[in-house]
């Protein structure tokens, strides 16, 4: 099913997914767990965000079905649950890379003209 075949209710779900992905801290956490499963403590250290903030955002990602978790003793580990989120992030990052390269070319040309 493509975008122009989705009913309004489905489009609301799509918009909700994009809202979840629209927060830099959540993107950072996803970026980290894309490399492999990590504990909350490791995510706090690697992200530079506070424990409460990381836990809040992990909860949102978990509720959205983007990450999964498992408990081992007192530790909780998170991993990517929806592989399509990796693909989506790669597509967006590639697109931004192309756009930034084009902007860099324009700026370089403009500064060399002087």
PDB file of N, CA and C in Angstrom:
ATOM      1  N   UNK A   1       0.850  -1.181   0.000  1.00  0.00           N
ATOM      2  CA  UNK A   1       0.000   0.000   0.000  1.00  0.00           C
ATOM      3  C   UNK A   1       0.895   1.243   0.000  1.00  0.00           C
ATOM      4  N   UNK A   2       0.594   2.209  -0.864  1.00  0.00           N
ATOM      5  CA  UNK A   2       1.402   3.425  -0.895  1.00  0.00           C
ATOM      6  C   UNK A   2       0.687   4.580  -0.197  1.00  0.00           C
ATOM      7  N   UNK A   3       1.380   5.695  -0.087  1.00  0.00           N
ATOM      8  CA  UNK A   3       0.884   6.845   0.672  1.00  0.00           C
ATOM      9  C   UNK A   3      -0.501   7.312   0.239  1.00  0.00           C
ATOM     10  N   UNK A   4      -0.764   7.373  -1.076  1.00  0.00           N
ATOM     11  CA  UNK A   4      -2.045   7.926  -1.515  1.00  0.00           C
ATOM     12  C   UNK A   4      -3.190   6.923  -1.429  1.00  0.00           C
ATOM     13  N   UNK A   5      -2.930   5.759  -0.853  1.00  0.00           N
ATOM     14  CA  UNK A   5      -4.000   4.791  -0.629  1.00  0.00           C
ATOM     15  C   UNK A   5      -4.365   4.677   0.848  1.00  0.00           C
ATOM     16  N   UNK A   6      -3.672   5.396   1.689  1.00  0.00           N
ATOM     17  CA  UNK A   6      -3.907   5.286   3.124  1.00  0.00           C
ATOM     18  C   UNK A   6      -5.109   6.120   3.559  1.00  0.00           C
ATOM     19  N   UNK A   7      -5.960   5.555   4.386  1.00  0.00           N
ATOM     20  CA  UNK A   7      -7.067   6.354   4.947  1.00  0.00           C
ATOM     21  C   UNK A   7      -6.520   7.337   5.990  1.00  0.00           C
ATOM     22  N   UNK A   8      -7.320   8.311   6.330  1.00  0.00           N
ATOM     23  CA  UNK A   8      -6.901   9.351   7.278  1.00  0.00           C
ATOM     24  C   UNK A   8      -6.407   8.766   8.593  1.00  0.00           C
ATOM     25  N   UNK A   9      -7.046   7.711   9.084  1.00  0.00           N
ATOM     26  CA  UNK A   9      -6.639   7.103  10.360  1.00  0.00           C
ATOM     27  C   UNK A   9      -5.219   6.556  10.271  1.00  0.00           C
ATOM     28  N   UNK A  10      -4.901   5.952   9.125  1.00  0.00           N
ATOM     29  CA  UNK A  10      -3.550   5.420   8.931  1.00  0.00           C
ATOM     30  C   UNK A  10      -2.531   6.555   8.817  1.00  0.00           C
ATOM     31  N   UNK A  11      -2.927   7.637   8.170  1.00  0.00           N
ATOM     32  CA  UNK A  11      -2.025   8.789   8.058  1.00  0.00           C
ATOM     33  C   UNK A  11      -1.724   9.373   9.428  1.00  0.00           C
ATOM     34  N   UNK A  12      -2.690   9.342  10.333  1.00  0.00           N
ATOM     35  CA  UNK A  12      -2.455   9.786  11.713  1.00  0.00           C
ATOM     36  C   UNK A  12      -1.382   8.925  12.375  1.00  0.00           C
ATOM     37  N   UNK A  13      -1.410   7.619  12.130  1.00  0.00           N
ATOM     38  CA  UNK A  13      -0.399   6.716  12.686  1.00  0.00           C
ATOM     39  C   UNK A  13       0.983   7.020  12.106  1.00  0.00           C
ATOM     40  N   UNK A  14       1.027   7.308  10.809  1.00  0.00           N
ATOM     41  CA  UNK A  14       2.291   7.674  10.158  1.00  0.00           C
ATOM     42  C   UNK A  14       2.830   8.965  10.776  1.00  0.00           C
ATOM     43  N   UNK A  15       1.955   9.942  10.944  1.00  0.00           N
ATOM     44  CA  UNK A  15       2.366  11.219  11.540  1.00  0.00           C
ATOM     45  C   UNK A  15       2.876  11.000  12.968  1.00  0.00           C
ATOM     46  N   UNK A  16       2.225  10.116  13.704  1.00  0.00           N
ATOM     47  CA  UNK A  16       2.679   9.805  15.062  1.00  0.00           C
ATOM     48  C   UNK A  16       4.075   9.214  15.078  1.00  0.00           C
ATOM     49  N   UNK A  17       4.348   8.344  14.120  1.00  0.00           N
ATOM     50  CA  UNK A  17       5.694   7.752  14.023  1.00  0.00           C
ATOM     51  C   UNK A  17       6.738   8.831  13.772  1.00  0.00           C
ATOM     52  N   UNK A  18       6.417   9.764  12.866  1.00  0.00           N
ATOM     53  CA  UNK A  18       7.350  10.850  12.583  1.00  0.00           C
ATOM     54  C   UNK A  18       7.515  11.772  13.790  1.00  0.00           C
ATOM     55  N   UNK A  19       6.459  11.967  14.571  1.00  0.00           N
ATOM     56  CA  UNK A  19       6.594  12.786  15.790  1.00  0.00           C
ATOM     57  C   UNK A  19       7.561  12.128  16.766  1.00  0.00           C
ATOM     58  N   UNK A  20       7.478  10.815  16.896  1.00  0.00           N
ATOM     59  CA  UNK A  20       8.400  10.088  17.781  1.00  0.00           C
ATOM     60  C   UNK A  20       9.835  10.286  17.298  1.00  0.00           C
ATOM     61  N   UNK A  21      10.029  10.275  16.000  1.00  0.00           N
ATOM     62  CA  UNK A  21      11.369  10.420  15.431  1.00  0.00           C
ATOM     63  C   UNK A  21      11.830  11.877  15.365  1.00  0.00           C
ATOM     64  N   UNK A  22      10.959  12.812  15.705  1.00  0.00           N
ATOM     65  CA  UNK A  22      11.269  14.230  15.587  1.00  0.00           C
ATOM     66  C   UNK A  22      11.979  14.831  16.790  1.00  0.00           C
ATOM     67  N   UNK A  23      12.564  14.021  17.631  1.00  0.00           N
ATOM     68  CA  UNK A  23      13.247  14.498  18.843  1.00  0.00           C
ATOM     69  C   UNK A  23      14.721  14.061  18.783  1.00  0.00           C
ATOM     70  N   UNK A  24      15.667  15.020  18.804  1.00  0.00           N
ATOM     71  CA  UNK A  24      17.085  14.679  18.684  1.00  0.00           C
ATOM     72  C   UNK A  24      17.598  13.660  19.711  1.00  0.00           C
ATOM     73  N   UNK A  25      17.122  13.723  20.945  1.00  0.00           N
ATOM     74  CA  UNK A  25      17.593  12.753  21.951  1.00  0.00           C
ATOM     75  C   UNK A  25      17.158  11.347  21.558  1.00  0.00           C
ATOM     76  N   UNK A  26      15.944  11.203  21.070  1.00  0.00           N
ATOM     77  CA  UNK A  26      15.478   9.875  20.654  1.00  0.00           C
ATOM     78  C   UNK A  26      16.263   9.380  19.445  1.00  0.00           C
ATOM     79  N   UNK A  27      16.569  10.286  18.512  1.00  0.00           N
ATOM     80  CA  UNK A  27      17.386   9.895  17.357  1.00  0.00           C
ATOM     81  C   UNK A  27      18.776   9.444  17.798  1.00  0.00           C
ATOM     82  N   UNK A  28      19.336  10.141  18.763  1.00  0.00           N
ATOM     83  CA  UNK A  28      20.655   9.755  19.291  1.00  0.00           C
ATOM     84  C   UNK A  28      20.588   8.361  19.917  1.00  0.00           C
ATOM     85  N   UNK A  29      19.554   8.099  20.703  1.00  0.00           N
ATOM     86  CA  UNK A  29      19.406   6.784  21.330  1.00  0.00           C
ATOM     87  C   UNK A  29      19.229   5.696  20.278  1.00  0.00           C
ATOM     88  N   UNK A  30      18.441   5.975  19.251  1.00  0.00           N
ATOM     89  CA  UNK A  30      18.276   5.010  18.163  1.00  0.00           C
ATOM     90  C   UNK A  30      19.594   4.763  17.444  1.00  0.00           C
ATOM     91  N   UNK A  31      20.338   5.832  17.219  1.00  0.00           N
ATOM     92  CA  UNK A  31      21.646   5.715  16.574  1.00  0.00           C
ATOM     93  C   UNK A  31      22.551   4.791  17.387  1.00  0.00           C
ATOM     94  N   UNK A  32      22.522   4.951  18.688  1.00  0.00           N
ATOM     95  CA  UNK A  32      23.369   4.132  19.556  1.00  0.00           C
ATOM     96  C   UNK A  32      22.953   2.659  19.545  1.00  0.00           C
ATOM     97  N   UNK A  33      21.655   2.392  19.661  1.00  0.00           N
ATOM     98  CA  UNK A  33      21.220   0.985  19.704  1.00  0.00           C
ATOM     99  C   UNK A  33      21.236   0.333  18.327  1.00  0.00           C
ATOM    100  N   UNK A  34      21.360   1.123  17.276  1.00  0.00           N
ATOM    101  CA  UNK A  34      21.531   0.535  15.945  1.00  0.00           C
ATOM    102  C   UNK A  34      22.864  -0.228  15.877  1.00  0.00           C
ATOM    103  N   UNK A  35      23.810   0.181  16.684  1.00  0.00           N
ATOM    104  CA  UNK A  35      25.110  -0.489  16.724  1.00  0.00           C
ATOM    105  C   UNK A  35      25.038  -1.805  17.484  1.00  0.00           C
ATOM    106  N   UNK A  36      24.034  -1.978  18.301  1.00  0.00           N
ATOM    107  CA  UNK A  36      23.862  -3.203  19.079  1.00  0.00           C
ATOM    108  C   UNK A  36      23.182  -2.898  20.404  1.00  0.00           C
ATOM    109  N   UNK A  37      22.784  -3.946  21.065  1.00  0.00           N
ATOM    110  CA  UNK A  37      22.076  -3.824  22.339  1.00  0.00           C
ATOM    111  C   UNK A  37      22.935  -3.087  23.373  1.00  0.00           C
ATOM    112  N   UNK A  38      22.276  -2.203  24.128  1.00  0.00           N
ATOM    113  CA  UNK A  38      22.980  -1.424  25.146  1.00  0.00           C
ATOM    114  C   UNK A  38      22.123  -1.315  26.395  1.00  0.00           C
ATOM    115  N   UNK A  39      22.791  -1.243  27.536  1.00  0.00           N
ATOM    116  CA  UNK A  39      22.077  -1.045  28.793  1.00  0.00           C
ATOM    117  C   UNK A  39      21.723   0.427  28.946  1.00  0.00           C
ATOM    118  N   UNK A  40      20.808   0.705  29.847  1.00  0.00           N
ATOM    119  CA  UNK A  40      20.423   2.091  30.114  1.00  0.00           C
ATOM    120  C   UNK A  40      21.651   2.878  30.572  1.00  0.00           C
ATOM    121  N   UNK A  41      22.454   2.294  31.429  1.00  0.00           N
ATOM    122  CA  UNK A  41      23.667   2.968  31.920  1.00  0.00           C
ATOM    123  C   UNK A  41      24.592   3.314  30.762  1.00  0.00           C
ATOM    124  N   UNK A  42      24.778   2.380  29.839  1.00  0.00           N
ATOM    125  CA  UNK A  42      25.633   2.641  28.674  1.00  0.00           C
ATOM    126  C   UNK A  42      25.037   3.737  27.798  1.00  0.00           C
ATOM    127  N   UNK A  43      23.728   3.738  27.653  1.00  0.00           N
ATOM    128  CA  UNK A  43      23.071   4.761  26.844  1.00  0.00           C
ATOM    129  C   UNK A  43      23.191   6.140  27.481  1.00  0.00           C
ATOM    130  N   UNK A  44      23.092   6.205  28.796  1.00  0.00           N
ATOM    131  CA  UNK A  44      23.262   7.478  29.506  1.00  0.00           C
ATOM    132  C   UNK A  44      24.671   8.004  29.265  1.00  0.00           C
ATOM    133  N   UNK A  45      25.663   7.138  29.433  1.00  0.00           N
ATOM    134  CA  UNK A  45      27.065   7.559  29.242  1.00  0.00           C
ATOM    135  C   UNK A  45      27.335   7.971  27.806  1.00  0.00           C
ATOM    136  N   UNK A  46      26.873   7.171  26.847  1.00  0.00           N
ATOM    137  CA  UNK A  46      27.167   7.434  25.443  1.00  0.00           C
ATOM    138  C   UNK A  46      26.416   8.640  24.893  1.00  0.00           C
ATOM    139  N   UNK A  47      25.223   8.889  25.405  1.00  0.00           N
ATOM    140  CA  UNK A  47      24.411   9.992  24.879  1.00  0.00           C
ATOM    141  C   UNK A  47      24.732  11.323  25.542  1.00  0.00           C
ATOM    142  N   UNK A  48      25.255  11.274  26.762  1.00  0.00           N
ATOM    143  CA  UNK A  48      25.523  12.505  27.491  1.00  0.00           C
ATOM    144  C   UNK A  48      24.276  13.107  28.119  1.00  0.00           C
ATOM    145  N   UNK A  49      23.158  12.424  27.999  1.00  0.00           N
ATOM    146  CA  UNK A  49      21.907  12.905  28.594  1.00  0.00           C
ATOM    147  C   UNK A  49      21.758  12.317  29.995  1.00  0.00           C
ATOM    148  N   UNK A  50      20.908  12.909  30.794  1.00  0.00           N
ATOM    149  CA  UNK A  50      20.688  12.420  32.151  1.00  0.00           C
ATOM    150  C   UNK A  50      19.869  11.137  32.165  1.00  0.00           C
ATOM    151  N   UNK A  51      19.988  10.403  33.258  1.00  0.00           N
ATOM    152  CA  UNK A  51      19.289   9.119  33.412  1.00  0.00           C
ATOM    153  C   UNK A  51      17.775   9.265  33.228  1.00  0.00           C
ATOM    154  N   UNK A  52      17.185  10.259  33.876  1.00  0.00           N
ATOM    155  CA  UNK A  52      15.732  10.436  33.781  1.00  0.00           C
ATOM    156  C   UNK A  52      15.313  10.753  32.350  1.00  0.00           C
ATOM    157  N   UNK A  53      16.081  11.598  31.672  1.00  0.00           N
ATOM    158  CA  UNK A  53      15.783  11.981  30.297  1.00  0.00           C
ATOM    159  C   UNK A  53      15.884  10.773  29.357  1.00  0.00           C
ATOM    160  N   UNK A  54      16.943   9.993  29.513  1.00  0.00           N
ATOM    161  CA  UNK A  54      17.132   8.806  28.687  1.00  0.00           C
ATOM    162  C   UNK A  54      15.993   7.820  28.927  1.00  0.00           C
ATOM    163  N   UNK A  55      15.652   7.593  30.179  1.00  0.00           N
ATOM    164  CA  UNK A  55      14.580   6.658  30.503  1.00  0.00           C
ATOM    165  C   UNK A  55      13.242   7.110  29.909  1.00  0.00           C
ATOM    166  N   UNK A  56      12.970   8.403  29.984  1.00  0.00           N
ATOM    167  CA  UNK A  56      11.726   8.940  29.416  1.00  0.00           C
ATOM    168  C   UNK A  56      11.666   8.680  27.914  1.00  0.00           C
ATOM    169  N   UNK A  57      12.738   8.992  27.217  1.00  0.00           N
ATOM    170  CA  UNK A  57      12.762   8.830  25.767  1.00  0.00           C
ATOM    171  C   UNK A  57      12.773   7.360  25.352  1.00  0.00           C
ATOM    172  N   UNK A  58      13.430   6.520  26.128  1.00  0.00           N
ATOM    173  CA  UNK A  58      13.390   5.086  25.832  1.00  0.00           C
ATOM    174  C   UNK A  58      11.967   4.551  25.982  1.00  0.00           C
ATOM    175  N   UNK A  59      11.240   5.051  26.965  1.00  0.00           N
ATOM    176  CA  UNK A  59       9.844   4.656  27.150  1.00  0.00           C
ATOM    177  C   UNK A  59       8.987   5.024  25.958  1.00  0.00           C
ATOM    178  N   UNK A  60       9.218   6.210  25.396  1.00  0.00           N
ATOM    179  CA  UNK A  60       8.472   6.651  24.218  1.00  0.00           C
ATOM    180  C   UNK A  60       8.815   5.771  23.017  1.00  0.00           C
ATOM    181  N   UNK A  61      10.102   5.480  22.845  1.00  0.00           N
ATOM    182  CA  UNK A  61      10.530   4.609  21.743  1.00  0.00           C
ATOM    183  C   UNK A  61       9.977   3.191  21.910  1.00  0.00           C
ATOM    184  N   UNK A  62       9.919   2.728  23.138  1.00  0.00           N
ATOM    185  CA  UNK A  62       9.368   1.397  23.427  1.00  0.00           C
ATOM    186  C   UNK A  62       7.873   1.360  23.119  1.00  0.00           C
ATOM    187  N   UNK A  63       7.132   2.371  23.575  1.00  0.00           N
ATOM    188  CA  UNK A  63       5.689   2.442  23.317  1.00  0.00           C
ATOM    189  C   UNK A  63       5.384   2.498  21.820  1.00  0.00           C
ATOM    190  N   UNK A  64       6.286   3.127  21.063  1.00  0.00           N
ATOM    191  CA  UNK A  64       6.097   3.244  19.615  1.00  0.00           C
ATOM    192  C   UNK A  64       6.514   1.974  18.877  1.00  0.00           C
ATOM    193  N   UNK A  65       7.115   1.036  19.600  1.00  0.00           N
ATOM    194  CA  UNK A  65       7.535  -0.220  18.977  1.00  0.00           C
ATOM    195  C   UNK A  65       8.834  -0.128  18.208  1.00  0.00           C
ATOM    196  N   UNK A  66       9.594   0.939  18.420  1.00  0.00           N
ATOM    197  CA  UNK A  66      10.854   1.112  17.701  1.00  0.00           C
ATOM    198  C   UNK A  66      12.013   0.394  18.379  1.00  0.00           C
ATOM    199  N   UNK A  67      11.941   0.259  19.702  1.00  0.00           N
ATOM    200  CA  UNK A  67      12.957  -0.492  20.442  1.00  0.00           C
ATOM    201  C   UNK A  67      12.268  -1.578  21.261  1.00  0.00           C
ATOM    202  N   UNK A  68      13.060  -2.562  21.622  1.00  0.00           N
ATOM    203  CA  UNK A  68      12.605  -3.622  22.523  1.00  0.00           C
ATOM    204  C   UNK A  68      13.567  -3.647  23.695  1.00  0.00           C
ATOM    205  N   UNK A  69      13.134  -4.238  24.789  1.00  0.00           N
ATOM    206  CA  UNK A  69      14.013  -4.292  25.958  1.00  0.00           C
ATOM    207  C   UNK A  69      13.964  -5.689  26.572  1.00  0.00           C
ATOM    208  N   UNK A  70      15.021  -5.948  27.316  1.00  0.00           N
ATOM    209  CA  UNK A  70      15.052  -7.179  28.103  1.00  0.00           C
ATOM    210  C   UNK A  70      15.741  -6.855  29.417  1.00  0.00           C
ATOM    211  N   UNK A  71      15.304  -7.531  30.456  1.00  0.00           N
ATOM    212  CA  UNK A  71      15.883  -7.335  31.785  1.00  0.00           C
ATOM    213  C   UNK A  71      16.815  -8.490  32.077  1.00  0.00           C
ATOM    214  N   UNK A  72      17.915  -8.157  32.696  1.00  0.00           N
ATOM    215  CA  UNK A  72      18.885  -9.141  33.158  1.00  0.00           C
ATOM    216  C   UNK A  72      19.328  -8.677  34.541  1.00  0.00           C
ATOM    217  N   UNK A  73      18.781  -9.300  35.542  1.00  0.00           N
ATOM    218  CA  UNK A  73      19.053  -8.848  36.907  1.00  0.00           C
ATOM    219  C   UNK A  73      18.505  -7.450  37.096  1.00  0.00           C
ATOM    220  N   UNK A  74      19.377  -6.545  37.527  1.00  0.00           N
ATOM    221  CA  UNK A  74      18.968  -5.154  37.736  1.00  0.00           C
ATOM    222  C   UNK A  74      19.121  -4.304  36.476  1.00  0.00           C
ATOM    223  N   UNK A  75      19.727  -4.868  35.441  1.00  0.00           N
ATOM    224  CA  UNK A  75      19.991  -4.109  34.220  1.00  0.00           C
ATOM    225  C   UNK A  75      18.875  -4.298  33.192  1.00  0.00           C
ATOM    226  N   UNK A  76      18.620  -3.235  32.445  1.00  0.00           N
ATOM    227  CA  UNK A  76      17.676  -3.285  31.332  1.00  0.00           C
ATOM    228  C   UNK A  76      18.461  -2.941  30.072  1.00  0.00           C
ATOM    229  N   UNK A  77      18.293  -3.784  29.046  1.00  0.00           N
ATOM    230  CA  UNK A  77      19.008  -3.616  27.785  1.00  0.00           C
ATOM    231  C   UNK A  77      18.013  -3.298  26.680  1.00  0.00           C
ATOM    232  N   UNK A  78      18.409  -2.376  25.795  1.00  0.00           N
ATOM    233  CA  UNK A  78      17.556  -1.965  24.682  1.00  0.00           C
ATOM    234  C   UNK A  78      18.221  -2.311  23.361  1.00  0.00           C
ATOM    235  N   UNK A  79      17.372  -2.626  22.381  1.00  0.00           N
ATOM    236  CA  UNK A  79      17.833  -2.935  21.033  1.00  0.00           C
ATOM    237  C   UNK A  79      16.769  -2.438  20.050  1.00  0.00           C
ATOM    238  N   UNK A  80      17.125  -2.356  18.789  1.00  0.00           N
ATOM    239  CA  UNK A  80      16.170  -1.980  17.748  1.00  0.00           C
ATOM    240  C   UNK A  80      15.144  -3.093  17.608  1.00  0.00           C
ATOM    241  N   UNK A  81      13.879  -2.727  17.592  1.00  0.00           N
ATOM    242  CA  UNK A  81      12.802  -3.708  17.416  1.00  0.00           C
ATOM    243  C   UNK A  81      12.247  -3.661  16.002  1.00  0.00           C
ATOM    244  N   UNK A  82      12.320  -2.501  15.385  1.00  0.00           N
ATOM    245  CA  UNK A  82      11.768  -2.310  14.048  1.00  0.00           C
ATOM    246  C   UNK A  82      12.911  -1.926  13.119  1.00  0.00           C
ATOM    247  N   UNK A  83      13.381  -2.903  12.347  1.00  0.00           N
ATOM    248  CA  UNK A  83      14.520  -2.674  11.456  1.00  0.00           C
ATOM    249  C   UNK A  83      14.247  -1.598  10.411  1.00  0.00           C
ATOM    250  N   UNK A  84      12.980  -1.349  10.109  1.00  0.00           N
ATOM    251  CA  UNK A  84      12.680  -0.334   9.099  1.00  0.00           C
ATOM    252  C   UNK A  84      13.110   1.056   9.555  1.00  0.00           C
ATOM    253  N   UNK A  85      13.216   1.262  10.854  1.00  0.00           N
ATOM    254  CA  UNK A  85      13.640   2.577  11.348  1.00  0.00           C
ATOM    255  C   UNK A  85      15.095   2.846  10.954  1.00  0.00           C
ATOM    256  N   UNK A  86      15.913   1.792  10.895  1.00  0.00           N
ATOM    257  CA  UNK A  86      17.299   1.951  10.425  1.00  0.00           C
ATOM    258  C   UNK A  86      17.301   2.431   8.975  1.00  0.00           C
ATOM    259  N   UNK A  87      16.495   1.776   8.151  1.00  0.00           N
ATOM    260  CA  UNK A  87      16.416   2.145   6.734  1.00  0.00           C
ATOM    261  C   UNK A  87      15.938   3.574   6.566  1.00  0.00           C
ATOM    262  N   UNK A  88      14.919   3.945   7.327  1.00  0.00           N
ATOM    263  CA  UNK A  88      14.382   5.298   7.241  1.00  0.00           C
ATOM    264  C   UNK A  88      15.450   6.325   7.623  1.00  0.00           C
ATOM    265  N   UNK A  89      16.155   6.077   8.707  1.00  0.00           N
ATOM    266  CA  UNK A  89      17.206   6.997   9.152  1.00  0.00           C
ATOM    267  C   UNK A  89      18.332   7.092   8.122  1.00  0.00           C
ATOM    268  N   UNK A  90      18.697   5.967   7.511  1.00  0.00           N
ATOM    269  CA  UNK A  90      19.739   5.979   6.483  1.00  0.00           C
ATOM    270  C   UNK A  90      19.303   6.792   5.271  1.00  0.00           C
ATOM    271  N   UNK A  91      18.040   6.640   4.863  1.00  0.00           N
ATOM    272  CA  UNK A  91      17.522   7.398   3.723  1.00  0.00           C
ATOM    273  C   UNK A  91      17.557   8.894   4.014  1.00  0.00           C
ATOM    274  N   UNK A  92      17.098   9.288   5.197  1.00  0.00           N
ATOM    275  CA  UNK A  92      17.075  10.703   5.573  1.00  0.00           C
ATOM    276  C   UNK A  92      18.501  11.250   5.681  1.00  0.00           C
ATOM    277  N   UNK A  93      19.400  10.488   6.288  1.00  0.00           N
ATOM    278  CA  UNK A  93      20.793  10.949   6.435  1.00  0.00           C
ATOM    279  C   UNK A  93      21.469  11.107   5.080  1.00  0.00           C
ATOM    280  N   UNK A  94      21.223  10.168   4.165  1.00  0.00           N
ATOM    281  CA  UNK A  94      21.779  10.271   2.809  1.00  0.00           C
ATOM    282  C   UNK A  94      21.254  11.521   2.118  1.00  0.00           C
ATOM    283  N   UNK A  95      19.971  11.765   2.243  1.00  0.00           N
ATOM    284  CA  UNK A  95      19.351  12.932   1.622  1.00  0.00           C
ATOM    285  C   UNK A  95      19.946  14.227   2.174  1.00  0.00           C
ATOM    286  N   UNK A  96      20.120  14.272   3.478  1.00  0.00           N
ATOM    287  CA  UNK A  96      20.716  15.465   4.094  1.00  0.00           C
ATOM    288  C   UNK A  96      22.162  15.624   3.640  1.00  0.00           C
ATOM    289  N   UNK A  97      22.888  14.521   3.523  1.00  0.00           N
ATOM    290  CA  UNK A  97      24.269  14.578   3.035  1.00  0.00           C
ATOM    291  C   UNK A  97      24.362  15.160   1.642  1.00  0.00           C
ATOM    292  N   UNK A  98      23.459  14.747   0.765  1.00  0.00           N
ATOM    293  CA  UNK A  98      23.430  15.279  -0.606  1.00  0.00           C
ATOM    294  C   UNK A  98      23.122  16.772  -0.575  1.00  0.00           C
ATOM    295  N   UNK A  99      22.155  17.134   0.232  1.00  0.00           N
ATOM    296  CA  UNK A  99      21.764  18.551   0.316  1.00  0.00           C
ATOM    297  C   UNK A  99      22.906  19.416   0.867  1.00  0.00           C
ATOM    298  N   UNK A 100      23.564  18.940   1.912  1.00  0.00           N
ATOM    299  CA  UNK A 100      24.684  19.696   2.497  1.00  0.00           C
ATOM    300  C   UNK A 100      25.849  19.805   1.515  1.00  0.00           C
ATOM    301  N   UNK A 101      26.113  18.740   0.759  1.00  0.00           N
ATOM    302  CA  UNK A 101      27.186  18.780  -0.237  1.00  0.00           C
ATOM    303  C   UNK A 101      26.878  19.823  -1.309  1.00  0.00           C
ATOM    304  N   UNK A 102      25.627  19.882  -1.740  1.00  0.00           N
ATOM    305  CA  UNK A 102      25.229  20.878  -2.746  1.00  0.00           C
ATOM    306  C   UNK A 102      25.363  22.289  -2.189  1.00  0.00           C
ATOM    307  N   UNK A 103      24.942  22.493  -0.943  1.00  0.00           N
ATOM    308  CA  UNK A 103      25.064  23.807  -0.321  1.00  0.00           C
ATOM    309  C   UNK A 103      26.532  24.195  -0.163  1.00  0.00           C
ATOM    310  N   UNK A 104      27.359  23.220   0.193  1.00  0.00           N
ATOM    311  CA  UNK A 104      28.801  23.477   0.348  1.00  0.00           C
ATOM    312  C   UNK A 104      29.402  23.927  -0.983  1.00  0.00           C
ATOM    313  N   UNK A 105      28.992  23.285  -2.081  1.00  0.00           N
ATOM    314  CA  UNK A 105      29.480  23.655  -3.412  1.00  0.00           C
ATOM    315  C   UNK A 105      29.119  25.094  -3.744  1.00  0.00           C
ATOM    316  N   UNK A 106      27.876  25.466  -3.462  1.00  0.00           N
ATOM    317  CA  UNK A 106      27.404  26.815  -3.748  1.00  0.00           C
ATOM    318  C   UNK A 106      28.198  27.831  -2.928  1.00  0.00           C
ATOM    319  N   UNK A 107      28.394  27.558  -1.658  1.00  0.00           N
ATOM    320  CA  UNK A 107      29.146  28.470  -0.793  1.00  0.00           C
ATOM    321  C   UNK A 107      30.595  28.584  -1.250  1.00  0.00           C
ATOM    322  N   UNK A 108      31.176  27.446  -1.610  1.00  0.00           N
ATOM    323  CA  UNK A 108      32.579  27.452  -2.060  1.00  0.00           C
ATOM    324  C   UNK A 108      32.716  28.280  -3.338  1.00  0.00           C
ATOM    325  N   UNK A 109      31.782  28.101  -4.284  1.00  0.00           N
ATOM    326  CA  UNK A 109      31.800  28.899  -5.504  1.00  0.00           C
ATOM    327  C   UNK A 109      31.651  30.379  -5.203  1.00  0.00           C
ATOM    328  N   UNK A 110      30.745  30.711  -4.278  1.00  0.00           N
ATOM    329  CA  UNK A 110      30.491  32.111  -3.938  1.00  0.00           C
ATOM    330  C   UNK A 110      31.698  32.759  -3.285  1.00  0.00           C
ATOM    331  N   UNK A 111      32.416  32.010  -2.461  1.00  0.00           N
ATOM    332  CA  UNK A 111      33.572  32.593  -1.774  1.00  0.00           C
ATOM    333  C   UNK A 111      34.793  32.646  -2.688  1.00  0.00           C
ATOM    334  N   UNK A 112      34.849  31.828  -3.709  1.00  0.00           N
ATOM    335  CA  UNK A 112      35.977  31.847  -4.662  1.00  0.00           C
ATOM    336  C   UNK A 112      35.824  32.949  -5.701  1.00  0.00           C
ATOM    337  N   UNK A 113      34.640  33.473  -5.866  1.00  0.00           N
ATOM    338  CA  UNK A 113      34.366  34.530  -6.859  1.00  0.00           C
ATOM    339  C   UNK A 113      35.017  35.822  -6.454  1.00  0.00           C
ATOM    340  N   UNK A 114      35.110  36.069  -5.187  1.00  0.00           N
ATOM    341  CA  UNK A 114      35.608  37.361  -4.678  1.00  0.00           C
ATOM    342  C   UNK A 114      37.000  37.616  -5.097  1.00  0.00           C
TER     343      UNK A 114
END
